[in-house]
């Protein structure tokens, strides 16, 4: 298995989302080792390049993004929900509030 789009140290970020959820550490370690060996073959400091690349790759490979839904009562007396999600790079996104009930309980 080759990681599509994984072509340089800085593209480890681009590998996010390529891995299927719930992959094993062994699978990530093998894939990242192969990809980082290829990525770092022309680096002037191969061991440092490889370790940095592999650490980032494994973190992204094993990461499972998560989302939570928060509900609250708005100024108009309706119950609204907002979904907050965090990706594997620490970026948080929030949805626009959506009315889920015409009243607040």
PDB file of N, CA and C in Angstrom:
ATOM      1  N   UNK A   1       0.851  -1.179   0.000  1.00  0.00           N
ATOM      2  CA  UNK A   1       0.000   0.000   0.000  1.00  0.00           C
ATOM      3  C   UNK A   1       0.890   1.234   0.000  1.00  0.00           C
ATOM      4  N   UNK A   2       0.669   2.139  -0.902  1.00  0.00           N
ATOM      5  CA  UNK A   2       1.407   3.393  -0.964  1.00  0.00           C
ATOM      6  C   UNK A   2       0.465   4.523  -0.598  1.00  0.00           C
ATOM      7  N   UNK A   3       0.988   5.490   0.123  1.00  0.00           N
ATOM      8  CA  UNK A   3       0.166   6.614   0.545  1.00  0.00           C
ATOM      9  C   UNK A   3       0.085   7.608  -0.605  1.00  0.00           C
ATOM     10  N   UNK A   4      -1.094   7.774  -1.212  1.00  0.00           N
ATOM     11  CA  UNK A   4      -1.211   8.715  -2.325  1.00  0.00           C
ATOM     12  C   UNK A   4      -0.882  10.135  -1.873  1.00  0.00           C
ATOM     13  N   UNK A   5      -0.158  10.865  -2.680  1.00  0.00           N
ATOM     14  CA  UNK A   5       0.131  12.260  -2.392  1.00  0.00           C
ATOM     15  C   UNK A   5       1.232  12.482  -1.380  1.00  0.00           C
ATOM     16  N   UNK A   6       1.842  11.428  -0.892  1.00  0.00           N
ATOM     17  CA  UNK A   6       2.878  11.564   0.128  1.00  0.00           C
ATOM     18  C   UNK A   6       4.205  11.633  -0.583  1.00  0.00           C
ATOM     19  N   UNK A   7       4.710  12.843  -0.826  1.00  0.00           N
ATOM     20  CA  UNK A   7       5.912  12.967  -1.639  1.00  0.00           C
ATOM     21  C   UNK A   7       7.039  13.751  -0.994  1.00  0.00           C
ATOM     22  N   UNK A   8       6.803  14.397   0.147  1.00  0.00           N
ATOM     23  CA  UNK A   8       7.862  15.177   0.786  1.00  0.00           C
ATOM     24  C   UNK A   8       7.569  15.334   2.265  1.00  0.00           C
ATOM     25  N   UNK A   9       8.583  15.778   3.013  1.00  0.00           N
ATOM     26  CA  UNK A   9       8.397  15.962   4.450  1.00  0.00           C
ATOM     27  C   UNK A   9       7.170  16.813   4.747  1.00  0.00           C
ATOM     28  N   UNK A  10       7.027  17.900   4.024  1.00  0.00           N
ATOM     29  CA  UNK A  10       5.926  18.809   4.299  1.00  0.00           C
ATOM     30  C   UNK A  10       4.581  18.242   3.872  1.00  0.00           C
ATOM     31  N   UNK A  11       4.576  17.181   3.092  1.00  0.00           N
ATOM     32  CA  UNK A  11       3.310  16.632   2.634  1.00  0.00           C
ATOM     33  C   UNK A  11       2.738  15.598   3.584  1.00  0.00           C
ATOM     34  N   UNK A  12       3.397  15.388   4.733  1.00  0.00           N
ATOM     35  CA  UNK A  12       2.809  14.483   5.727  1.00  0.00           C
ATOM     36  C   UNK A  12       1.415  14.992   6.060  1.00  0.00           C
ATOM     37  N   UNK A  13       1.288  16.316   6.110  1.00  0.00           N
ATOM     38  CA  UNK A  13      -0.011  16.934   6.362  1.00  0.00           C
ATOM     39  C   UNK A  13      -1.023  16.475   5.316  1.00  0.00           C
ATOM     40  N   UNK A  14      -0.585  16.360   4.072  1.00  0.00           N
ATOM     41  CA  UNK A  14      -1.466  15.932   3.007  1.00  0.00           C
ATOM     42  C   UNK A  14      -1.893  14.483   3.135  1.00  0.00           C
ATOM     43  N   UNK A  15      -1.159  13.702   3.894  1.00  0.00           N
ATOM     44  CA  UNK A  15      -1.514  12.295   4.072  1.00  0.00           C
ATOM     45  C   UNK A  15      -2.695  12.133   5.015  1.00  0.00           C
ATOM     46  N   UNK A  16      -3.037  13.179   5.764  1.00  0.00           N
ATOM     47  CA  UNK A  16      -4.176  13.100   6.681  1.00  0.00           C
ATOM     48  C   UNK A  16      -5.428  12.742   5.892  1.00  0.00           C
ATOM     49  N   UNK A  17      -6.150  11.781   6.369  1.00  0.00           N
ATOM     50  CA  UNK A  17      -7.373  11.377   5.714  1.00  0.00           C
ATOM     51  C   UNK A  17      -7.175  10.260   4.713  1.00  0.00           C
ATOM     52  N   UNK A  18      -5.957   9.951   4.373  1.00  0.00           N
ATOM     53  CA  UNK A  18      -5.693   8.895   3.406  1.00  0.00           C
ATOM     54  C   UNK A  18      -5.806   7.527   4.065  1.00  0.00           C
ATOM     55  N   UNK A  19      -5.398   7.450   5.313  1.00  0.00           N
ATOM     56  CA  UNK A  19      -5.413   6.178   6.017  1.00  0.00           C
ATOM     57  C   UNK A  19      -6.824   5.817   6.454  1.00  0.00           C
ATOM     58  N   UNK A  20      -7.195   4.554   6.360  1.00  0.00           N
ATOM     59  CA  UNK A  20      -8.499   4.157   6.890  1.00  0.00           C
ATOM     60  C   UNK A  20      -8.492   4.265   8.408  1.00  0.00           C
ATOM     61  N   UNK A  21      -9.655   4.491   8.981  1.00  0.00           N
ATOM     62  CA  UNK A  21      -9.757   4.598  10.434  1.00  0.00           C
ATOM     63  C   UNK A  21      -9.405   3.263  11.079  1.00  0.00           C
ATOM     64  N   UNK A  22      -8.898   3.338  12.287  1.00  0.00           N
ATOM     65  CA  UNK A  22      -8.612   2.154  13.094  1.00  0.00           C
ATOM     66  C   UNK A  22      -7.514   1.266  12.512  1.00  0.00           C
ATOM     67  N   UNK A  23      -6.505   1.834  11.888  1.00  0.00           N
ATOM     68  CA  UNK A  23      -5.384   1.019  11.433  1.00  0.00           C
ATOM     69  C   UNK A  23      -4.473   0.721  12.612  1.00  0.00           C
ATOM     70  N   UNK A  24      -3.738  -0.353  12.510  1.00  0.00           N
ATOM     71  CA  UNK A  24      -2.865  -0.758  13.607  1.00  0.00           C
ATOM     72  C   UNK A  24      -1.567   0.039  13.583  1.00  0.00           C
ATOM     73  N   UNK A  25      -0.901   0.072  14.731  1.00  0.00           N
ATOM     74  CA  UNK A  25       0.390   0.743  14.823  1.00  0.00           C
ATOM     75  C   UNK A  25       1.384   0.085  13.864  1.00  0.00           C
ATOM     76  N   UNK A  26       1.348  -1.237  13.781  1.00  0.00           N
ATOM     77  CA  UNK A  26       2.264  -1.956  12.896  1.00  0.00           C
ATOM     78  C   UNK A  26       2.098  -1.553  11.443  1.00  0.00           C
ATOM     79  N   UNK A  27       0.854  -1.430  10.999  1.00  0.00           N
ATOM     80  CA  UNK A  27       0.581  -1.009   9.623  1.00  0.00           C
ATOM     81  C   UNK A  27       1.105   0.394   9.387  1.00  0.00           C
ATOM     82  N   UNK A  28       0.821   1.297  10.327  1.00  0.00           N
ATOM     83  CA  UNK A  28       1.302   2.681  10.199  1.00  0.00           C
ATOM     84  C   UNK A  28       2.827   2.722  10.193  1.00  0.00           C
ATOM     85  N   UNK A  29       3.437   1.977  11.095  1.00  0.00           N
ATOM     86  CA  UNK A  29       4.889   1.972  11.205  1.00  0.00           C
ATOM     87  C   UNK A  29       5.534   1.490   9.910  1.00  0.00           C
ATOM     88  N   UNK A  30       5.014   0.405   9.355  1.00  0.00           N
ATOM     89  CA  UNK A  30       5.552  -0.132   8.103  1.00  0.00           C
ATOM     90  C   UNK A  30       5.398   0.865   6.963  1.00  0.00           C
ATOM     91  N   UNK A  31       4.169   1.372   6.785  1.00  0.00           N
ATOM     92  CA  UNK A  31       3.904   2.310   5.697  1.00  0.00           C
ATOM     93  C   UNK A  31       4.728   3.579   5.832  1.00  0.00           C
ATOM     94  N   UNK A  32       4.751   4.127   7.039  1.00  0.00           N
ATOM     95  CA  UNK A  32       5.483   5.376   7.254  1.00  0.00           C
ATOM     96  C   UNK A  32       6.984   5.167   7.080  1.00  0.00           C
ATOM     97  N   UNK A  33       7.485   4.034   7.518  1.00  0.00           N
ATOM     98  CA  UNK A  33       8.905   3.739   7.333  1.00  0.00           C
ATOM     99  C   UNK A  33       9.292   3.714   5.868  1.00  0.00           C
ATOM    100  N   UNK A  34       8.489   3.020   5.055  1.00  0.00           N
ATOM    101  CA  UNK A  34       8.761   2.946   3.617  1.00  0.00           C
ATOM    102  C   UNK A  34       8.648   4.320   2.967  1.00  0.00           C
ATOM    103  N   UNK A  35       7.568   5.030   3.279  1.00  0.00           N
ATOM    104  CA  UNK A  35       7.353   6.337   2.666  1.00  0.00           C
ATOM    105  C   UNK A  35       8.428   7.338   3.067  1.00  0.00           C
ATOM    106  N   UNK A  36       8.833   7.315   4.337  1.00  0.00           N
ATOM    107  CA  UNK A  36       9.830   8.281   4.800  1.00  0.00           C
ATOM    108  C   UNK A  36      11.225   7.938   4.288  1.00  0.00           C
ATOM    109  N   UNK A  37      11.511   6.670   4.106  1.00  0.00           N
ATOM    110  CA  UNK A  37      12.789   6.284   3.506  1.00  0.00           C
ATOM    111  C   UNK A  37      12.868   6.853   2.094  1.00  0.00           C
ATOM    112  N   UNK A  38      11.779   6.714   1.350  1.00  0.00           N
ATOM    113  CA  UNK A  38      11.725   7.253  -0.012  1.00  0.00           C
ATOM    114  C   UNK A  38      11.779   8.782   0.011  1.00  0.00           C
ATOM    115  N   UNK A  39      11.014   9.389   0.920  1.00  0.00           N
ATOM    116  CA  UNK A  39      10.944  10.844   1.008  1.00  0.00           C
ATOM    117  C   UNK A  39      12.290  11.464   1.361  1.00  0.00           C
ATOM    118  N   UNK A  40      13.027  10.814   2.238  1.00  0.00           N
ATOM    119  CA  UNK A  40      14.272  11.399   2.758  1.00  0.00           C
ATOM    120  C   UNK A  40      15.531  10.940   2.026  1.00  0.00           C
ATOM    121  N   UNK A  41      15.385  10.207   0.927  1.00  0.00           N
ATOM    122  CA  UNK A  41      16.565   9.640   0.271  1.00  0.00           C
ATOM    123  C   UNK A  41      17.555  10.695  -0.210  1.00  0.00           C
ATOM    124  N   UNK A  42      17.103  11.911  -0.501  1.00  0.00           N
ATOM    125  CA  UNK A  42      18.013  12.966  -0.963  1.00  0.00           C
ATOM    126  C   UNK A  42      18.303  14.007   0.108  1.00  0.00           C
ATOM    127  N   UNK A  43      17.900  13.735   1.334  1.00  0.00           N
ATOM    128  CA  UNK A  43      18.126  14.686   2.424  1.00  0.00           C
ATOM    129  C   UNK A  43      19.591  14.679   2.837  1.00  0.00           C
ATOM    130  N   UNK A  44      20.103  15.831   3.244  1.00  0.00           N
ATOM    131  CA  UNK A  44      21.494  15.898   3.708  1.00  0.00           C
ATOM    132  C   UNK A  44      21.643  15.273   5.088  1.00  0.00           C
ATOM    133  N   UNK A  45      20.556  15.177   5.865  1.00  0.00           N
ATOM    134  CA  UNK A  45      20.594  14.527   7.179  1.00  0.00           C
ATOM    135  C   UNK A  45      19.487  13.471   7.208  1.00  0.00           C
ATOM    136  N   UNK A  46      19.763  12.342   6.582  1.00  0.00           N
ATOM    137  CA  UNK A  46      18.742  11.305   6.424  1.00  0.00           C
ATOM    138  C   UNK A  46      18.152  10.809   7.735  1.00  0.00           C
ATOM    139  N   UNK A  47      18.964  10.508   8.769  1.00  0.00           N
ATOM    140  CA  UNK A  47      18.362  10.010  10.017  1.00  0.00           C
ATOM    141  C   UNK A  47      17.390  11.013  10.653  1.00  0.00           C
ATOM    142  N   UNK A  48      17.768  12.279  10.671  1.00  0.00           N
ATOM    143  CA  UNK A  48      16.895  13.293  11.263  1.00  0.00           C
ATOM    144  C   UNK A  48      15.631  13.478  10.418  1.00  0.00           C
ATOM    145  N   UNK A  49      15.793  13.540   9.122  1.00  0.00           N
ATOM    146  CA  UNK A  49      14.658  13.664   8.211  1.00  0.00           C
ATOM    147  C   UNK A  49      13.705  12.492   8.392  1.00  0.00           C
ATOM    148  N   UNK A  50      14.259  11.285   8.409  1.00  0.00           N
ATOM    149  CA  UNK A  50      13.452  10.079   8.512  1.00  0.00           C
ATOM    150  C   UNK A  50      12.671  10.052   9.820  1.00  0.00           C
ATOM    151  N   UNK A  51      13.329  10.365  10.937  1.00  0.00           N
ATOM    152  CA  UNK A  51      12.665  10.317  12.241  1.00  0.00           C
ATOM    153  C   UNK A  51      11.544  11.350  12.329  1.00  0.00           C
ATOM    154  N   UNK A  52      11.819  12.548  11.856  1.00  0.00           N
ATOM    155  CA  UNK A  52      10.811  13.614  11.890  1.00  0.00           C
ATOM    156  C   UNK A  52       9.622  13.249  10.998  1.00  0.00           C
ATOM    157  N   UNK A  53       9.922  12.774   9.812  1.00  0.00           N
ATOM    158  CA  UNK A  53       8.885  12.358   8.868  1.00  0.00           C
ATOM    159  C   UNK A  53       8.048  11.223   9.451  1.00  0.00           C
ATOM    160  N   UNK A  54       8.710  10.211   9.994  1.00  0.00           N
ATOM    161  CA  UNK A  54       8.020   9.041  10.530  1.00  0.00           C
ATOM    162  C   UNK A  54       7.147   9.402  11.725  1.00  0.00           C
ATOM    163  N   UNK A  55       7.660  10.241  12.632  1.00  0.00           N
ATOM    164  CA  UNK A  55       6.870  10.638  13.801  1.00  0.00           C
ATOM    165  C   UNK A  55       5.582  11.335  13.382  1.00  0.00           C
ATOM    166  N   UNK A  56       5.706  12.268  12.437  1.00  0.00           N
ATOM    167  CA  UNK A  56       4.513  12.980  11.961  1.00  0.00           C
ATOM    168  C   UNK A  56       3.560  12.042  11.240  1.00  0.00           C
ATOM    169  N   UNK A  57       4.118  11.188  10.414  1.00  0.00           N
ATOM    170  CA  UNK A  57       3.311  10.259   9.633  1.00  0.00           C
ATOM    171  C   UNK A  57       2.522   9.326  10.542  1.00  0.00           C
ATOM    172  N   UNK A  58       3.167   8.762  11.546  1.00  0.00           N
ATOM    173  CA  UNK A  58       2.485   7.836  12.450  1.00  0.00           C
ATOM    174  C   UNK A  58       1.402   8.557  13.246  1.00  0.00           C
ATOM    175  N   UNK A  59       1.694   9.775  13.700  1.00  0.00           N
ATOM    176  CA  UNK A  59       0.679  10.540  14.424  1.00  0.00           C
ATOM    177  C   UNK A  59      -0.559  10.723  13.563  1.00  0.00           C
ATOM    178  N   UNK A  60      -0.370  11.118  12.317  1.00  0.00           N
ATOM    179  CA  UNK A  60      -1.510  11.302  11.415  1.00  0.00           C
ATOM    180  C   UNK A  60      -2.176   9.985  11.063  1.00  0.00           C
ATOM    181  N   UNK A  61      -1.390   8.950  10.882  1.00  0.00           N
ATOM    182  CA  UNK A  61      -1.923   7.643  10.508  1.00  0.00           C
ATOM    183  C   UNK A  61      -2.842   7.083  11.587  1.00  0.00           C
ATOM    184  N   UNK A  62      -2.439   7.227  12.846  1.00  0.00           N
ATOM    185  CA  UNK A  62      -3.209   6.656  13.952  1.00  0.00           C
ATOM    186  C   UNK A  62      -4.341   7.560  14.430  1.00  0.00           C
ATOM    187  N   UNK A  63      -4.341   8.792  14.005  1.00  0.00           N
ATOM    188  CA  UNK A  63      -5.320   9.758  14.501  1.00  0.00           C
ATOM    189  C   UNK A  63      -6.719   9.453  13.974  1.00  0.00           C
ATOM    190  N   UNK A  64      -7.692   9.635  14.839  1.00  0.00           N
ATOM    191  CA  UNK A  64      -9.093   9.535  14.451  1.00  0.00           C
ATOM    192  C   UNK A  64      -9.746  10.874  14.794  1.00  0.00           C
ATOM    193  N   UNK A  65     -10.133  11.656  13.776  1.00  0.00           N
ATOM    194  CA  UNK A  65     -10.790  12.934  14.055  1.00  0.00           C
ATOM    195  C   UNK A  65     -12.070  12.706  14.860  1.00  0.00           C
ATOM    196  N   UNK A  66     -12.490  13.703  15.621  1.00  0.00           N
ATOM    197  CA  UNK A  66     -13.689  13.538  16.435  1.00  0.00           C
ATOM    198  C   UNK A  66     -14.585  14.761  16.329  1.00  0.00           C
ATOM    199  N   UNK A  67     -15.858  14.547  16.604  1.00  0.00           N
ATOM    200  CA  UNK A  67     -16.850  15.614  16.595  1.00  0.00           C
ATOM    201  C   UNK A  67     -17.762  15.462  17.805  1.00  0.00           C
ATOM    202  N   UNK A  68     -18.235  16.583  18.309  1.00  0.00           N
ATOM    203  CA  UNK A  68     -19.233  16.585  19.378  1.00  0.00           C
ATOM    204  C   UNK A  68     -20.330  17.562  18.990  1.00  0.00           C
ATOM    205  N   UNK A  69     -21.515  17.324  19.508  1.00  0.00           N
ATOM    206  CA  UNK A  69     -22.637  18.221  19.265  1.00  0.00           C
ATOM    207  C   UNK A  69     -23.062  18.837  20.583  1.00  0.00           C
ATOM    208  N   UNK A  70     -23.108  20.150  20.607  1.00  0.00           N
ATOM    209  CA  UNK A  70     -23.532  20.875  21.798  1.00  0.00           C
ATOM    210  C   UNK A  70     -24.894  21.494  21.517  1.00  0.00           C
ATOM    211  N   UNK A  71     -25.799  21.382  22.471  1.00  0.00           N
ATOM    212  CA  UNK A  71     -27.101  22.032  22.334  1.00  0.00           C
ATOM    213  C   UNK A  71     -27.233  23.102  23.402  1.00  0.00           C
ATOM    214  N   UNK A  72     -27.947  24.155  23.056  1.00  0.00           N
ATOM    215  CA  UNK A  72     -28.180  25.233  24.016  1.00  0.00           C
ATOM    216  C   UNK A  72     -29.439  26.001  23.621  1.00  0.00           C
ATOM    217  N   UNK A  73     -29.898  26.821  24.552  1.00  0.00           N
ATOM    218  CA  UNK A  73     -31.078  27.648  24.336  1.00  0.00           C
ATOM    219  C   UNK A  73     -30.610  29.001  23.799  1.00  0.00           C
ATOM    220  N   UNK A  74     -31.148  29.410  22.652  1.00  0.00           N
ATOM    221  CA  UNK A  74     -30.721  30.693  22.086  1.00  0.00           C
ATOM    222  C   UNK A  74     -31.574  31.854  22.606  1.00  0.00           C
ATOM    223  N   UNK A  75     -31.297  33.043  22.112  1.00  0.00           N
ATOM    224  CA  UNK A  75     -31.998  34.254  22.563  1.00  0.00           C
ATOM    225  C   UNK A  75     -33.476  34.264  22.193  1.00  0.00           C
ATOM    226  N   UNK A  76     -33.886  33.405  21.273  1.00  0.00           N
ATOM    227  CA  UNK A  76     -35.276  33.363  20.828  1.00  0.00           C
ATOM    228  C   UNK A  76     -36.072  32.265  21.525  1.00  0.00           C
ATOM    229  N   UNK A  77     -35.459  31.573  22.476  1.00  0.00           N
ATOM    230  CA  UNK A  77     -36.146  30.521  23.220  1.00  0.00           C
ATOM    231  C   UNK A  77     -36.249  29.200  22.489  1.00  0.00           C
ATOM    232  N   UNK A  78     -35.399  28.979  21.505  1.00  0.00           N
ATOM    233  CA  UNK A  78     -35.394  27.704  20.792  1.00  0.00           C
ATOM    234  C   UNK A  78     -34.121  26.936  21.130  1.00  0.00           C
ATOM    235  N   UNK A  79     -34.194  25.626  21.009  1.00  0.00           N
ATOM    236  CA  UNK A  79     -33.022  24.787  21.249  1.00  0.00           C
ATOM    237  C   UNK A  79     -32.253  24.655  19.941  1.00  0.00           C
ATOM    238  N   UNK A  80     -30.985  25.002  19.986  1.00  0.00           N
ATOM    239  CA  UNK A  80     -30.137  24.911  18.797  1.00  0.00           C
ATOM    240  C   UNK A  80     -28.957  23.979  19.074  1.00  0.00           C
ATOM    241  N   UNK A  81     -28.420  23.428  18.013  1.00  0.00           N
ATOM    242  CA  UNK A  81     -27.266  22.527  18.116  1.00  0.00           C
ATOM    243  C   UNK A  81     -26.131  23.070  17.256  1.00  0.00           C
ATOM    244  N   UNK A  82     -24.915  22.901  17.762  1.00  0.00           N
ATOM    245  CA  UNK A  82     -23.704  23.271  17.026  1.00  0.00           C
ATOM    246  C   UNK A  82     -22.760  22.077  17.086  1.00  0.00           C
ATOM    247  N   UNK A  83     -22.275  21.655  15.925  1.00  0.00           N
ATOM    248  CA  UNK A  83     -21.318  20.552  15.882  1.00  0.00           C
ATOM    249  C   UNK A  83     -19.906  21.123  15.845  1.00  0.00           C
ATOM    250  N   UNK A  84     -19.057  20.663  16.765  1.00  0.00           N
ATOM    251  CA  UNK A  84     -17.646  21.057  16.810  1.00  0.00           C
ATOM    252  C   UNK A  84     -16.808  19.839  16.454  1.00  0.00           C
ATOM    253  N   UNK A  85     -15.886  20.020  15.535  1.00  0.00           N
ATOM    254  CA  UNK A  85     -15.015  18.916  15.119  1.00  0.00           C
ATOM    255  C   UNK A  85     -13.552  19.329  15.243  1.00  0.00           C
ATOM    256  N   UNK A  86     -12.711  18.354  15.584  1.00  0.00           N
ATOM    257  CA  UNK A  86     -11.268  18.569  15.681  1.00  0.00           C
ATOM    258  C   UNK A  86     -10.598  17.568  14.748  1.00  0.00           C
ATOM    259  N   UNK A  87      -9.764  18.089  13.850  1.00  0.00           N
ATOM    260  CA  UNK A  87      -9.050  17.172  12.969  1.00  0.00           C
ATOM    261  C   UNK A  87      -7.728  16.758  13.614  1.00  0.00           C
ATOM    262  N   UNK A  88      -6.977  15.962  12.920  1.00  0.00           N
ATOM    263  CA  UNK A  88      -5.760  15.393  13.491  1.00  0.00           C
ATOM    264  C   UNK A  88      -4.607  16.381  13.586  1.00  0.00           C
ATOM    265  N   UNK A  89      -4.796  17.565  13.065  1.00  0.00           N
ATOM    266  CA  UNK A  89      -3.765  18.590  13.163  1.00  0.00           C
ATOM    267  C   UNK A  89      -4.118  19.645  14.197  1.00  0.00           C
ATOM    268  N   UNK A  90      -5.206  19.412  14.936  1.00  0.00           N
ATOM    269  CA  UNK A  90      -5.609  20.348  15.981  1.00  0.00           C
ATOM    270  C   UNK A  90      -6.478  21.491  15.499  1.00  0.00           C
ATOM    271  N   UNK A  91      -6.949  21.419  14.270  1.00  0.00           N
ATOM    272  CA  UNK A  91      -7.824  22.463  13.736  1.00  0.00           C
ATOM    273  C   UNK A  91      -9.264  22.183  14.135  1.00  0.00           C
ATOM    274  N   UNK A  92      -9.923  23.186  14.693  1.00  0.00           N
ATOM    275  CA  UNK A  92     -11.308  23.020  15.123  1.00  0.00           C
ATOM    276  C   UNK A  92     -12.233  23.749  14.156  1.00  0.00           C
ATOM    277  N   UNK A  93     -13.332  23.095  13.824  1.00  0.00           N
ATOM    278  CA  UNK A  93     -14.360  23.726  12.998  1.00  0.00           C
ATOM    279  C   UNK A  93     -15.683  23.619  13.732  1.00  0.00           C
ATOM    280  N   UNK A  94     -16.528  24.614  13.556  1.00  0.00           N
ATOM    281  CA  UNK A  94     -17.857  24.608  14.170  1.00  0.00           C
ATOM    282  C   UNK A  94     -18.888  24.870  13.089  1.00  0.00           C
ATOM    283  N   UNK A  95     -19.992  24.134  13.173  1.00  0.00           N
ATOM    284  CA  UNK A  95     -21.075  24.339  12.223  1.00  0.00           C
ATOM    285  C   UNK A  95     -21.882  25.569  12.624  1.00  0.00           C
ATOM    286  N   UNK A  96     -22.687  26.033  11.715  1.00  0.00           N
ATOM    287  CA  UNK A  96     -23.632  27.093  12.041  1.00  0.00           C
ATOM    288  C   UNK A  96     -24.692  26.503  12.971  1.00  0.00           C
ATOM    289  N   UNK A  97     -25.233  27.291  13.900  1.00  0.00           N
ATOM    290  CA  UNK A  97     -26.289  26.770  14.780  1.00  0.00           C
ATOM    291  C   UNK A  97     -27.501  26.306  13.967  1.00  0.00           C
ATOM    292  N   UNK A  98     -28.039  25.160  14.351  1.00  0.00           N
ATOM    293  CA  UNK A  98     -29.205  24.589  13.682  1.00  0.00           C
ATOM    294  C   UNK A  98     -30.302  24.414  14.725  1.00  0.00           C
ATOM    295  N   UNK A  99     -31.504  24.903  14.425  1.00  0.00           N
ATOM    296  CA  UNK A  99     -32.611  24.764  15.366  1.00  0.00           C
ATOM    297  C   UNK A  99     -33.072  23.311  15.388  1.00  0.00           C
ATOM    298  N   UNK A 100     -33.113  22.731  16.581  1.00  0.00           N
ATOM    299  CA  UNK A 100     -33.533  21.338  16.710  1.00  0.00           C
ATOM    300  C   UNK A 100     -34.895  21.203  17.388  1.00  0.00           C
ATOM    301  N   UNK A 101     -35.310  22.228  18.151  1.00  0.00           N
ATOM    302  CA  UNK A 101     -36.637  22.234  18.782  1.00  0.00           C
ATOM    303  C   UNK A 101     -37.130  23.674  18.856  1.00  0.00           C
ATOM    304  N   UNK A 102     -38.439  23.868  18.725  1.00  0.00           N
ATOM    305  CA  UNK A 102     -38.967  25.232  18.761  1.00  0.00           C
ATOM    306  C   UNK A 102     -38.980  25.855  20.161  1.00  0.00           C
ATOM    307  N   UNK A 103     -38.728  25.049  21.180  1.00  0.00           N
ATOM    308  CA  UNK A 103     -38.723  25.553  22.557  1.00  0.00           C
ATOM    309  C   UNK A 103     -37.480  25.067  23.283  1.00  0.00           C
ATOM    310  N   UNK A 104     -37.230  25.660  24.447  1.00  0.00           N
ATOM    311  CA  UNK A 104     -36.141  25.197  25.305  1.00  0.00           C
ATOM    312  C   UNK A 104     -36.744  24.408  26.457  1.00  0.00           C
ATOM    313  N   UNK A 105     -36.133  23.323  26.824  1.00  0.00           N
ATOM    314  CA  UNK A 105     -36.630  22.511  27.945  1.00  0.00           C
ATOM    315  C   UNK A 105     -35.869  22.832  29.201  1.00  0.00           C
TER     316      UNK A 105
END
